Amino acid sequence: MTTTRKICPRSPGCGNAAFTLIELLMVIAIIAVLSLLALNNYSESRRRAKAAAGSYEKYVKDVNESLEASRSD
């Protein structure tokens, strides 16, 4: 008995369907856009954290100065 093999690169019944170049490029483009969005959010939150840390350090310095001033009185 001989069996015939079907050549079916994109049919649903084919077991070894492959991605086309366009599909691969689209996936890479989507990943690139998502990573840029994530990095943008990361840099913005990092900038806000540095600003908050700076204001906190100023607050601690002011509290220490006022404690020193009250001790010397």
Protein backbone atom coordinates (compact mmCIF):
# COMPACT_ATOMS: atom_id res chain seq x y z
CA MET A 1 0.00 0.00 0.00
CA THR A 2 1.35 3.40 -0.88
CA THR A 3 0.48 6.54 0.95
CA THR A 4 0.46 9.94 -0.59
CA ARG A 5 1.76 12.88 1.38
CA LYS A 6 -0.12 16.12 1.17
CA ILE A 7 1.83 19.32 0.95
CA CYS A 8 -0.07 21.63 3.23
CA PRO A 9 2.09 24.42 4.62
CA ARG A 10 -0.76 26.47 6.15
CA SER A 11 -3.79 24.20 6.39
CA PRO A 12 -5.23 23.46 9.87
CA GLY A 13 -4.79 19.70 9.54
CA CYS A 14 -1.10 19.91 8.77
CA GLY A 15 1.17 19.00 11.67
CA ASN A 16 4.15 21.19 10.83
CA ALA A 17 2.67 24.57 10.03
CA ALA A 18 5.28 27.31 10.22
CA PHE A 19 5.17 31.04 10.81
CA THR A 20 5.61 33.30 7.84
CA LEU A 21 8.17 36.06 7.82
CA ILE A 22 5.48 38.73 8.16
CA GLU A 23 4.01 37.05 11.24
CA LEU A 24 7.45 36.80 12.81
CA LEU A 25 8.19 40.46 12.11
CA MET A 26 4.83 41.49 13.57
CA VAL A 27 5.54 39.57 16.78
CA ILE A 28 8.97 41.19 17.05
CA ALA A 29 7.43 44.64 16.48
CA ILE A 30 4.77 44.08 19.15
CA ILE A 31 7.40 42.91 21.64
CA ALA A 32 9.53 45.97 20.84
CA VAL A 33 6.62 48.36 21.41
CA LEU A 34 5.66 46.70 24.69
CA SER A 35 9.24 46.79 25.96
CA LEU A 36 9.53 50.49 25.08
CA LEU A 37 6.34 51.20 27.01
CA ALA A 38 7.63 49.23 30.00
CA LEU A 39 10.99 51.04 29.97
CA ASN A 40 9.27 54.40 29.73
CA ASN A 41 7.13 53.61 32.78
CA TYR A 42 10.19 52.31 34.62
CA SER A 43 12.21 55.46 34.01
CA GLU A 44 9.28 57.68 35.04
CA SER A 45 8.75 55.79 38.30
CA ARG A 46 12.49 55.83 38.97
CA ARG A 47 12.54 59.62 38.54
CA ARG A 48 9.61 59.98 40.94
CA ALA A 49 11.29 57.73 43.48
CA LYS A 50 14.46 59.82 43.38
CA ALA A 51 12.43 63.00 43.84
CA ALA A 52 10.59 61.48 46.79
CA ALA A 53 13.84 60.27 48.35
CA GLY A 54 15.33 63.75 48.00
CA SER A 55 12.38 65.41 49.70
CA TYR A 56 12.45 62.79 52.46
CA GLU A 57 16.15 63.44 53.09
CA LYS A 58 15.46 67.18 53.29
CA TYR A 59 12.64 66.49 55.76
CA VAL A 60 14.90 64.35 57.97
CA LYS A 61 17.61 67.03 57.85
CA ASP A 62 15.09 69.72 58.89
CA VAL A 63 13.81 67.55 61.75
CA ASN A 64 17.35 66.90 62.98
CA GLU A 65 18.18 70.60 62.85
CA SER A 66 15.07 71.52 64.81
CA LEU A 67 15.84 68.82 67.41
CA GLU A 68 19.39 70.16 67.77
CA ALA A 69 18.04 73.70 68.12
CA SER A 70 15.57 72.63 70.81
CA ARG A 71 18.29 70.77 72.74
CA SER A 72 20.58 73.79 72.79
CA ASP A 73 17.88 76.04 74.26
